[in-house]
Amino acid sequence: MKTLFNRFVKDESGATAIEYGLIAALIAVAAITAMTTLGTKLGTTFTAVSDKLK
């Protein structure tokens, strides 16, 4: 029983999966933020071009 517990404590595969999940979440948040900012700027640019064409 003690060796099973020691093996469980030393197993880091679960921690690695959690770290990969956190990294993926961080990348997703950064991507969403960048796309939102880019979308807003593109909308402003297209509106300005449209106004000048009128």
N, C-alpha and C. Protein backbone atom coordinates (compact mmCIF):
# COMPACT_ATOMS: atom_id res chain seq x y z
N MET A 1 0.84 -1.19 0.00
CA MET A 1 0.00 0.00 0.00
C MET A 1 0.88 1.25 0.00
N LYS A 2 1.97 1.19 0.75
CA LYS A 2 2.86 2.34 0.84
C LYS A 2 3.55 2.61 -0.50
N THR A 3 3.94 1.57 -1.20
CA THR A 3 4.58 1.76 -2.51
C THR A 3 3.60 2.32 -3.53
N LEU A 4 2.35 1.92 -3.44
CA LEU A 4 1.32 2.44 -4.33
C LEU A 4 1.14 3.94 -4.10
N PHE A 5 1.10 4.34 -2.84
CA PHE A 5 0.95 5.75 -2.50
C PHE A 5 2.17 6.55 -2.97
N ASN A 6 3.37 6.01 -2.77
CA ASN A 6 4.58 6.70 -3.19
C ASN A 6 4.62 6.84 -4.72
N ARG A 7 4.20 5.83 -5.43
CA ARG A 7 4.15 5.90 -6.88
C ARG A 7 3.13 6.95 -7.34
N PHE A 8 2.01 7.03 -6.64
CA PHE A 8 0.98 8.01 -6.96
C PHE A 8 1.50 9.43 -6.73
N VAL A 9 2.23 9.64 -5.66
CA VAL A 9 2.75 10.97 -5.34
C VAL A 9 3.81 11.39 -6.37
N LYS A 10 4.62 10.45 -6.84
CA LYS A 10 5.70 10.77 -7.78
C LYS A 10 5.20 10.91 -9.22
N ASP A 11 4.02 10.44 -9.51
CA ASP A 11 3.48 10.51 -10.88
C ASP A 11 3.12 11.95 -11.20
N GLU A 12 3.76 12.52 -12.24
CA GLU A 12 3.54 13.91 -12.60
C GLU A 12 2.76 14.07 -13.90
N SER A 13 2.22 13.01 -14.44
CA SER A 13 1.52 13.12 -15.72
C SER A 13 0.25 13.95 -15.60
N GLY A 14 -0.43 13.89 -14.47
CA GLY A 14 -1.62 14.71 -14.27
C GLY A 14 -1.27 16.18 -14.19
N ALA A 15 -0.18 16.49 -13.52
CA ALA A 15 0.27 17.89 -13.42
C ALA A 15 0.65 18.43 -14.79
N THR A 16 1.27 17.61 -15.60
CA THR A 16 1.65 18.03 -16.94
C THR A 16 0.42 18.33 -17.78
N ALA A 17 -0.59 17.51 -17.67
CA ALA A 17 -1.83 17.73 -18.43
C ALA A 17 -2.49 19.04 -17.99
N ILE A 18 -2.47 19.31 -16.70
CA ILE A 18 -3.06 20.56 -16.20
C ILE A 18 -2.26 21.75 -16.72
N GLU A 19 -0.95 21.65 -16.73
CA GLU A 19 -0.13 22.73 -17.25
C GLU A 19 -0.41 22.98 -18.73
N TYR A 20 -0.53 21.93 -19.52
CA TYR A 20 -0.85 22.09 -20.93
C TYR A 20 -2.24 22.73 -21.09
N GLY A 21 -3.17 22.35 -20.25
CA GLY A 21 -4.49 22.96 -20.31
C GLY A 21 -4.46 24.44 -19.99
N LEU A 22 -3.68 24.82 -18.99
CA LEU A 22 -3.56 26.24 -18.64
C LEU A 22 -2.88 27.03 -19.75
N ILE A 23 -1.86 26.45 -20.36
CA ILE A 23 -1.19 27.13 -21.48
C ILE A 23 -2.15 27.32 -22.65
N ALA A 24 -2.94 26.29 -22.96
CA ALA A 24 -3.91 26.39 -24.04
C ALA A 24 -4.96 27.46 -23.74
N ALA A 25 -5.40 27.53 -22.50
CA ALA A 25 -6.39 28.55 -22.12
C ALA A 25 -5.80 29.95 -22.24
N LEU A 26 -4.55 30.11 -21.84
CA LEU A 26 -3.89 31.41 -21.93
C LEU A 26 -3.73 31.83 -23.39
N ILE A 27 -3.36 30.90 -24.24
CA ILE A 27 -3.23 31.20 -25.67
C ILE A 27 -4.59 31.57 -26.26
N ALA A 28 -5.65 30.87 -25.84
CA ALA A 28 -6.99 31.17 -26.35
C ALA A 28 -7.43 32.57 -25.94
N VAL A 29 -7.17 32.94 -24.70
CA VAL A 29 -7.55 34.28 -24.23
C VAL A 29 -6.77 35.35 -25.00
N ALA A 30 -5.48 35.12 -25.22
CA ALA A 30 -4.68 36.08 -25.98
C ALA A 30 -5.18 36.20 -27.41
N ALA A 31 -5.53 35.07 -28.03
CA ALA A 31 -6.02 35.08 -29.40
C ALA A 31 -7.36 35.81 -29.50
N ILE A 32 -8.25 35.56 -28.57
CA ILE A 32 -9.56 36.23 -28.58
C ILE A 32 -9.39 37.73 -28.41
N THR A 33 -8.50 38.13 -27.51
CA THR A 33 -8.25 39.56 -27.29
C THR A 33 -7.68 40.21 -28.54
N ALA A 34 -6.71 39.54 -29.17
CA ALA A 34 -6.10 40.10 -30.38
C ALA A 34 -7.12 40.20 -31.51
N MET A 35 -7.94 39.17 -31.68
CA MET A 35 -8.93 39.18 -32.76
C MET A 35 -10.00 40.24 -32.53
N THR A 36 -10.38 40.44 -31.29
CA THR A 36 -11.38 41.46 -30.97
C THR A 36 -10.83 42.85 -31.28
N THR A 37 -9.59 43.09 -30.87
CA THR A 37 -8.96 44.39 -31.13
C THR A 37 -8.80 44.61 -32.63
N LEU A 38 -8.32 43.61 -33.34
CA LEU A 38 -8.14 43.71 -34.78
C LEU A 38 -9.47 43.93 -35.48
N GLY A 39 -10.50 43.23 -35.04
CA GLY A 39 -11.82 43.39 -35.64
C GLY A 39 -12.37 44.80 -35.46
N THR A 40 -12.16 45.36 -34.29
CA THR A 40 -12.62 46.73 -34.03
C THR A 40 -11.88 47.72 -34.91
N LYS A 41 -10.57 47.54 -35.03
CA LYS A 41 -9.79 48.46 -35.86
C LYS A 41 -10.16 48.32 -37.34
N LEU A 42 -10.40 47.10 -37.79
CA LEU A 42 -10.82 46.89 -39.18
C LEU A 42 -12.18 47.53 -39.44
N GLY A 43 -13.08 47.39 -38.49
CA GLY A 43 -14.40 48.02 -38.63
C GLY A 43 -14.30 49.52 -38.74
N THR A 44 -13.44 50.11 -37.94
CA THR A 44 -13.23 51.56 -37.99
C THR A 44 -12.62 51.97 -39.32
N THR A 45 -11.66 51.20 -39.81
CA THR A 45 -11.02 51.51 -41.09
C THR A 45 -12.01 51.42 -42.23
N PHE A 46 -12.81 50.36 -42.27
CA PHE A 46 -13.79 50.22 -43.35
C PHE A 46 -14.86 51.30 -43.29
N THR A 47 -15.24 51.72 -42.10
CA THR A 47 -16.20 52.79 -41.96
C THR A 47 -15.63 54.10 -42.50
N ALA A 48 -14.35 54.36 -42.18
CA ALA A 48 -13.70 55.58 -42.68
C ALA A 48 -13.60 55.57 -44.19
N VAL A 49 -13.25 54.44 -44.78
CA VAL A 49 -13.17 54.33 -46.25
C VAL A 49 -14.54 54.51 -46.86
N SER A 50 -15.53 53.91 -46.27
CA SER A 50 -16.90 54.04 -46.79
C SER A 50 -17.38 55.49 -46.74
N ASP A 51 -17.05 56.18 -45.65
CA ASP A 51 -17.46 57.58 -45.54
C ASP A 51 -16.76 58.45 -46.59
N LYS A 52 -15.52 58.17 -46.89
CA LYS A 52 -14.79 58.96 -47.89
C LYS A 52 -15.28 58.68 -49.30
N LEU A 53 -15.78 57.46 -49.54
CA LEU A 53 -16.30 57.12 -50.86
C LEU A 53 -17.67 57.77 -51.12
N LYS A 54 -18.38 58.10 -50.09
CA LYS A 54 -19.71 58.70 -50.25
C LYS A 54 -19.55 60.10 -50.68
